[in-house]
Amino acid sequence: MTQKAVSYARWTSHVNHVNASNTMQSWLTDQMSLTVKLMQCCDCFRVQRLMQGNARVLQDEMQAIGLPRCIEVQQREVLLRCDEQAVVYAHTVVPLTATASDWPFFGRLGDRSLGTTLFGDPRVRRGELQYARLATDHPLMRRAAKALGVAITAPLFARRCLYRRRRGLLLVTEVFLPAIEQVASVSRVIQP
């Protein structure tokens, strides 16, 4: 397989194009914060930060955030865990041209949820969701497998969304790991 095929996913604006089950479609298309949805499915939700720093943008991310070529961006990788089970690998990129006033919280998140911050800030505008089925040799799949310490042998579903705050752009990609099937059937109602 060529390098271009390895590093690029086919993103689509319609979930039917990725051939997901009804259960997976509900995870992919849900408009609420993924953090909130996951919290409803477990007793203990946590964010495990894997890395945060500068790195080269992926080819399919480059176009989504309007970069002219594959250059460095700010990057953050986390695992979202339900009852210690990793269920989502999340990857966020921010162009280096973004200022501290565009995304003042991004560098200080640590193990806190980005989603909570994004959905809680009225100045953040959310774009349309896009969907893909990532091949096992896609860079995000390889990173997720490394974080889990296991081989991922089947394609996984992912969604991504572009957020805007002031003049800054931020792209969040969420890859649904195999363990999502175990929490998909559990939904707890959060009492007020």
C-alpha atoms as a PDB file:
ATOM      1  CA  MET A   1       0.000   0.000   0.000  1.00  0.00           C
ATOM      2  CA  THR A   2       1.329   3.470  -0.813  1.00  0.00           C
ATOM      3  CA  GLN A   3       2.136   6.050   1.837  1.00  0.00           C
ATOM      4  CA  LYS A   4      -0.742   8.235   0.628  1.00  0.00           C
ATOM      5  CA  ALA A   5      -3.257   5.411   1.090  1.00  0.00           C
ATOM      6  CA  VAL A   6      -1.883   4.656   4.544  1.00  0.00           C
ATOM      7  CA  SER A   7      -2.029   8.216   5.830  1.00  0.00           C
ATOM      8  CA  TYR A   8      -5.368   9.272   4.401  1.00  0.00           C
ATOM      9  CA  ALA A   9      -8.920   8.299   5.370  1.00  0.00           C
ATOM     10  CA  ARG A  10     -12.103   8.797   3.344  1.00  0.00           C
ATOM     11  CA  TRP A  11     -14.174  11.210   5.408  1.00  0.00           C
ATOM     12  CA  THR A  12     -17.848  11.692   4.610  1.00  0.00           C
ATOM     13  CA  SER A  13     -20.588  13.948   5.895  1.00  0.00           C
ATOM     14  CA  HIS A  14     -23.200  11.175   5.925  1.00  0.00           C
ATOM     15  CA  VAL A  15     -22.952   8.319   8.419  1.00  0.00           C
ATOM     16  CA  ASN A  16     -24.603   5.818   6.041  1.00  0.00           C
ATOM     17  CA  HIS A  17     -21.461   5.877   3.880  1.00  0.00           C
ATOM     18  CA  VAL A  18     -19.394   4.093   6.576  1.00  0.00           C
ATOM     19  CA  ASN A  19     -21.757   1.093   6.947  1.00  0.00           C
ATOM     20  CA  ALA A  20     -22.036   1.265  10.721  1.00  0.00           C
ATOM     21  CA  SER A  21     -24.559  -0.693  12.782  1.00  0.00           C
ATOM     22  CA  ASN A  22     -27.491   1.195  14.278  1.00  0.00           C
ATOM     23  CA  THR A  23     -25.799   1.169  17.678  1.00  0.00           C
ATOM     24  CA  MET A  24     -22.560   2.540  16.268  1.00  0.00           C
ATOM     25  CA  GLN A  25     -24.466   5.139  14.235  1.00  0.00           C
ATOM     26  CA  SER A  26     -26.007   6.442  17.447  1.00  0.00           C
ATOM     27  CA  TRP A  27     -22.507   6.919  18.912  1.00  0.00           C
ATOM     28  CA  LEU A  28     -21.189   8.538  15.753  1.00  0.00           C
ATOM     29  CA  THR A  29     -24.053  10.967  15.169  1.00  0.00           C
ATOM     30  CA  ASP A  30     -24.925  11.996  18.723  1.00  0.00           C
ATOM     31  CA  GLN A  31     -24.708  15.790  19.027  1.00  0.00           C
ATOM     32  CA  MET A  32     -24.137  15.871  22.777  1.00  0.00           C
ATOM     33  CA  SER A  33     -20.682  15.923  24.325  1.00  0.00           C
ATOM     34  CA  LEU A  34     -19.090  12.475  24.025  1.00  0.00           C
ATOM     35  CA  THR A  35     -17.804  12.939  27.587  1.00  0.00           C
ATOM     36  CA  VAL A  36     -21.354  13.366  28.888  1.00  0.00           C
ATOM     37  CA  LYS A  37     -22.618  10.385  26.894  1.00  0.00           C
ATOM     38  CA  LEU A  38     -19.813   8.152  28.175  1.00  0.00           C
ATOM     39  CA  MET A  39     -20.408   9.292  31.764  1.00  0.00           C
ATOM     40  CA  GLN A  40     -23.969   8.016  31.425  1.00  0.00           C
ATOM     41  CA  CYS A  41     -22.634   4.547  30.565  1.00  0.00           C
ATOM     42  CA  CYS A  42     -20.237   3.908  33.433  1.00  0.00           C
ATOM     43  CA  ASP A  43     -19.579   4.453  37.105  1.00  0.00           C
ATOM     44  CA  CYS A  44     -16.122   5.959  36.615  1.00  0.00           C
ATOM     45  CA  PHE A  45     -15.163   8.036  33.571  1.00  0.00           C
ATOM     46  CA  ARG A  46     -11.665   9.404  33.125  1.00  0.00           C
ATOM     47  CA  VAL A  47      -9.387  10.967  30.544  1.00  0.00           C
ATOM     48  CA  GLN A  48      -5.902   9.501  30.190  1.00  0.00           C
ATOM     49  CA  ARG A  49      -3.593  11.950  28.433  1.00  0.00           C
ATOM     50  CA  LEU A  50      -1.099  10.145  26.212  1.00  0.00           C
ATOM     51  CA  MET A  51       0.760  13.149  24.818  1.00  0.00           C
ATOM     52  CA  GLN A  52       0.489  16.825  24.097  1.00  0.00           C
ATOM     53  CA  GLY A  53       2.942  18.859  22.063  1.00  0.00           C
ATOM     54  CA  ASN A  54       3.959  19.818  18.551  1.00  0.00           C
ATOM     55  CA  ALA A  55       3.850  17.239  15.755  1.00  0.00           C
ATOM     56  CA  ARG A  56       3.319  17.063  12.006  1.00  0.00           C
ATOM     57  CA  VAL A  57      -0.328  17.220  10.952  1.00  0.00           C
ATOM     58  CA  LEU A  58      -1.748  14.181   9.174  1.00  0.00           C
ATOM     59  CA  GLN A  59      -2.627  14.510   5.506  1.00  0.00           C
ATOM     60  CA  ASP A  60      -6.399  14.230   6.002  1.00  0.00           C
ATOM     61  CA  GLU A  61      -6.281  16.688   8.921  1.00  0.00           C
ATOM     62  CA  MET A  62      -4.304  19.222   6.886  1.00  0.00           C
ATOM     63  CA  GLN A  63      -7.183  19.845   4.491  1.00  0.00           C
ATOM     64  CA  ALA A  64      -9.801  19.945   7.253  1.00  0.00           C
ATOM     65  CA  ILE A  65      -8.057  22.776   9.114  1.00  0.00           C
ATOM     66  CA  GLY A  66      -7.027  24.668   5.994  1.00  0.00           C
ATOM     67  CA  LEU A  67      -3.271  24.172   6.069  1.00  0.00           C
ATOM     68  CA  PRO A  68      -1.435  24.417   2.722  1.00  0.00           C
ATOM     69  CA  ARG A  69       0.876  21.467   3.465  1.00  0.00           C
ATOM     70  CA  CYS A  70       1.826  18.977   6.188  1.00  0.00           C
ATOM     71  CA  ILE A  71       3.399  21.247   8.799  1.00  0.00           C
ATOM     72  CA  GLU A  72       3.640  21.193  12.582  1.00  0.00           C
ATOM     73  CA  VAL A  73       0.568  21.752  14.735  1.00  0.00           C
ATOM     74  CA  GLN A  74      -0.231  21.512  18.418  1.00  0.00           C
ATOM     75  CA  GLN A  75      -1.459  17.986  19.073  1.00  0.00           C
ATOM     76  CA  ARG A  76      -3.130  16.178  21.968  1.00  0.00           C
ATOM     77  CA  GLU A  77      -3.860  12.454  22.237  1.00  0.00           C
ATOM     78  CA  VAL A  78      -5.987  10.873  24.958  1.00  0.00           C
ATOM     79  CA  LEU A  79      -7.838   7.695  25.801  1.00  0.00           C
ATOM     80  CA  LEU A  80     -11.351   8.061  27.172  1.00  0.00           C
ATOM     81  CA  ARG A  81     -11.972   5.348  29.754  1.00  0.00           C
ATOM     82  CA  CYS A  82     -15.202   3.948  31.187  1.00  0.00           C
ATOM     83  CA  ASP A  83     -14.620   1.932  34.346  1.00  0.00           C
ATOM     84  CA  GLU A  84     -10.928   1.765  33.334  1.00  0.00           C
ATOM     85  CA  GLN A  85     -11.786   0.264  29.930  1.00  0.00           C
ATOM     86  CA  ALA A  86     -10.410   2.364  27.034  1.00  0.00           C
ATOM     87  CA  VAL A  87     -13.381   3.030  24.746  1.00  0.00           C
ATOM     88  CA  VAL A  88     -12.301   6.019  22.624  1.00  0.00           C
ATOM     89  CA  TYR A  89      -8.968   7.261  21.328  1.00  0.00           C
ATOM     90  CA  ALA A  90      -9.190  11.024  20.738  1.00  0.00           C
ATOM     91  CA  HIS A  91      -6.780  13.114  18.703  1.00  0.00           C
ATOM     92  CA  THR A  92      -6.910  16.928  18.594  1.00  0.00           C
ATOM     93  CA  VAL A  93      -4.918  19.310  16.427  1.00  0.00           C
ATOM     94  CA  VAL A  94      -4.642  23.098  16.567  1.00  0.00           C
ATOM     95  CA  PRO A  95      -2.684  25.144  13.988  1.00  0.00           C
ATOM     96  CA  LEU A  96       0.367  26.894  15.433  1.00  0.00           C
ATOM     97  CA  THR A  97      -1.126  30.155  14.136  1.00  0.00           C
ATOM     98  CA  ALA A  98      -3.805  29.960  16.849  1.00  0.00           C
ATOM     99  CA  THR A  99      -3.238  32.425  19.669  1.00  0.00           C
ATOM    100  CA  ALA A 100      -3.600  31.941  23.396  1.00  0.00           C
ATOM    101  CA  SER A 101      -6.812  33.993  23.252  1.00  0.00           C
ATOM    102  CA  ASP A 102      -8.251  31.637  20.606  1.00  0.00           C
ATOM    103  CA  TRP A 103      -7.865  28.508  22.767  1.00  0.00           C
ATOM    104  CA  PRO A 104      -6.737  29.720  26.232  1.00  0.00           C
ATOM    105  CA  PHE A 105      -7.409  26.403  27.949  1.00  0.00           C
ATOM    106  CA  PHE A 106      -5.840  23.988  25.444  1.00  0.00           C
ATOM    107  CA  GLY A 107      -2.324  23.926  26.870  1.00  0.00           C
ATOM    108  CA  ARG A 108      -3.539  23.446  30.447  1.00  0.00           C
ATOM    109  CA  LEU A 109      -6.021  20.583  30.054  1.00  0.00           C
ATOM    110  CA  GLY A 110      -3.860  17.817  31.508  1.00  0.00           C
ATOM    111  CA  ASP A 111      -6.179  14.883  32.205  1.00  0.00           C
ATOM    112  CA  ARG A 112      -9.327  17.003  32.007  1.00  0.00           C
ATOM    113  CA  SER A 113     -11.921  16.552  29.280  1.00  0.00           C
ATOM    114  CA  LEU A 114     -11.621  18.786  26.224  1.00  0.00           C
ATOM    115  CA  GLY A 115     -15.285  18.124  25.426  1.00  0.00           C
ATOM    116  CA  THR A 116     -16.478  19.605  28.703  1.00  0.00           C
ATOM    117  CA  THR A 117     -14.515  22.763  27.946  1.00  0.00           C
ATOM    118  CA  LEU A 118     -15.703  23.021  24.338  1.00  0.00           C
ATOM    119  CA  PHE A 119     -19.373  22.485  25.139  1.00  0.00           C
ATOM    120  CA  GLY A 120     -19.206  24.836  28.139  1.00  0.00           C
ATOM    121  CA  ASP A 121     -17.800  27.849  26.249  1.00  0.00           C
ATOM    122  CA  PRO A 122     -20.484  29.924  24.448  1.00  0.00           C
ATOM    123  CA  ARG A 123     -17.824  31.394  22.107  1.00  0.00           C
ATOM    124  CA  VAL A 124     -17.068  27.959  20.623  1.00  0.00           C
ATOM    125  CA  ARG A 125     -18.862  27.181  17.355  1.00  0.00           C
ATOM    126  CA  ARG A 126     -19.129  23.543  16.386  1.00  0.00           C
ATOM    127  CA  GLY A 127     -18.922  22.471  12.751  1.00  0.00           C
ATOM    128  CA  GLU A 128     -20.557  19.492  11.080  1.00  0.00           C
ATOM    129  CA  LEU A 129     -19.582  15.962  12.047  1.00  0.00           C
ATOM    130  CA  GLN A 130     -17.715  13.838   9.506  1.00  0.00           C
ATOM    131  CA  TYR A 131     -17.347  10.060   9.598  1.00  0.00           C
ATOM    132  CA  ALA A 132     -14.836   7.464   8.442  1.00  0.00           C
ATOM    133  CA  ARG A 133     -13.960   3.836   8.811  1.00  0.00           C
ATOM    134  CA  LEU A 134     -10.226   3.869   9.523  1.00  0.00           C
ATOM    135  CA  ALA A 135      -8.073   1.100   8.072  1.00  0.00           C
ATOM    136  CA  THR A 136      -5.737  -0.702  10.450  1.00  0.00           C
ATOM    137  CA  ASP A 137      -2.688   0.970   8.901  1.00  0.00           C
ATOM    138  CA  HIS A 138      -3.995   4.542   9.298  1.00  0.00           C
ATOM    139  CA  PRO A 139      -1.671   6.567  11.593  1.00  0.00           C
ATOM    140  CA  LEU A 140      -4.400   7.133  14.187  1.00  0.00           C
ATOM    141  CA  MET A 141      -5.131   3.405  14.285  1.00  0.00           C
ATOM    142  CA  ARG A 142      -1.453   2.653  14.802  1.00  0.00           C
ATOM    143  CA  ARG A 143      -1.272   5.221  17.615  1.00  0.00           C
ATOM    144  CA  ALA A 144      -4.398   3.834  19.273  1.00  0.00           C
ATOM    145  CA  ALA A 145      -3.009   0.283  19.074  1.00  0.00           C
ATOM    146  CA  LYS A 146       0.275   1.429  20.603  1.00  0.00           C
ATOM    147  CA  ALA A 147      -1.575   3.183  23.446  1.00  0.00           C
ATOM    148  CA  LEU A 148      -3.607   0.042  24.118  1.00  0.00           C
ATOM    149  CA  GLY A 149      -0.594  -2.245  23.782  1.00  0.00           C
ATOM    150  CA  VAL A 150      -2.502  -4.559  21.428  1.00  0.00           C
ATOM    151  CA  ALA A 151      -2.857  -5.120  17.720  1.00  0.00           C
ATOM    152  CA  ILE A 152      -6.042  -3.748  16.183  1.00  0.00           C
ATOM    153  CA  THR A 153      -6.942  -6.156  13.400  1.00  0.00           C
ATOM    154  CA  ALA A 154     -10.163  -4.654  12.034  1.00  0.00           C
ATOM    155  CA  PRO A 155     -11.120  -1.194  10.804  1.00  0.00           C
ATOM    156  CA  LEU A 156     -12.673   1.097  13.406  1.00  0.00           C
ATOM    157  CA  PHE A 157     -15.270   3.835  13.106  1.00  0.00           C
ATOM    158  CA  ALA A 158     -14.272   7.434  13.722  1.00  0.00           C
ATOM    159  CA  ARG A 159     -15.839  10.834  13.674  1.00  0.00           C
ATOM    160  CA  ARG A 160     -14.331  14.281  13.593  1.00  0.00           C
ATOM    161  CA  CYS A 161     -15.495  17.833  14.025  1.00  0.00           C
ATOM    162  CA  LEU A 162     -13.969  21.251  13.441  1.00  0.00           C
ATOM    163  CA  TYR A 163     -14.462  23.815  16.201  1.00  0.00           C
ATOM    164  CA  ARG A 164     -13.975  27.582  15.941  1.00  0.00           C
ATOM    165  CA  ARG A 165     -13.313  30.070  18.698  1.00  0.00           C
ATOM    166  CA  ARG A 166     -12.509  33.640  17.727  1.00  0.00           C
ATOM    167  CA  ARG A 167     -10.149  33.125  14.743  1.00  0.00           C
ATOM    168  CA  GLY A 168      -8.796  29.783  15.972  1.00  0.00           C
ATOM    169  CA  LEU A 169      -9.550  26.342  14.566  1.00  0.00           C
ATOM    170  CA  LEU A 170      -9.407  23.058  16.471  1.00  0.00           C
ATOM    171  CA  LEU A 171     -10.049  19.630  14.943  1.00  0.00           C
ATOM    172  CA  VAL A 172     -11.103  16.736  17.182  1.00  0.00           C
ATOM    173  CA  THR A 173     -11.063  13.159  15.862  1.00  0.00           C
ATOM    174  CA  GLU A 174     -12.596  10.387  17.987  1.00  0.00           C
ATOM    175  CA  VAL A 175     -11.845   6.753  17.160  1.00  0.00           C
ATOM    176  CA  PHE A 176     -14.275   4.295  18.740  1.00  0.00           C
ATOM    177  CA  LEU A 177     -12.310   1.361  20.149  1.00  0.00           C
ATOM    178  CA  PRO A 178     -13.630  -2.237  20.257  1.00  0.00           C
ATOM    179  CA  ALA A 179     -14.593  -1.906  23.952  1.00  0.00           C
ATOM    180  CA  ILE A 180     -17.264   0.660  23.030  1.00  0.00           C
ATOM    181  CA  GLU A 181     -19.546  -2.297  22.262  1.00  0.00           C
ATOM    182  CA  GLN A 182     -19.464  -3.270  25.967  1.00  0.00           C
ATOM    183  CA  VAL A 183     -20.675   0.140  27.138  1.00  0.00           C
ATOM    184  CA  ALA A 184     -23.018   0.781  24.213  1.00  0.00           C
ATOM    185  CA  SER A 185     -25.833  -1.198  25.795  1.00  0.00           C
ATOM    186  CA  VAL A 186     -25.533   0.570  29.156  1.00  0.00           C
ATOM    187  CA  SER A 187     -27.067   3.989  29.618  1.00  0.00           C
ATOM    188  CA  ARG A 188     -27.608   5.456  33.041  1.00  0.00           C
ATOM    189  CA  VAL A 189     -29.856   8.437  33.520  1.00  0.00           C
ATOM    190  CA  ILE A 190     -28.046  11.205  35.369  1.00  0.00           C
ATOM    191  CA  GLN A 191     -30.253  12.447  38.181  1.00  0.00           C
ATOM    192  CA  PRO A 192     -30.492  16.234  38.704  1.00  0.00           C
END
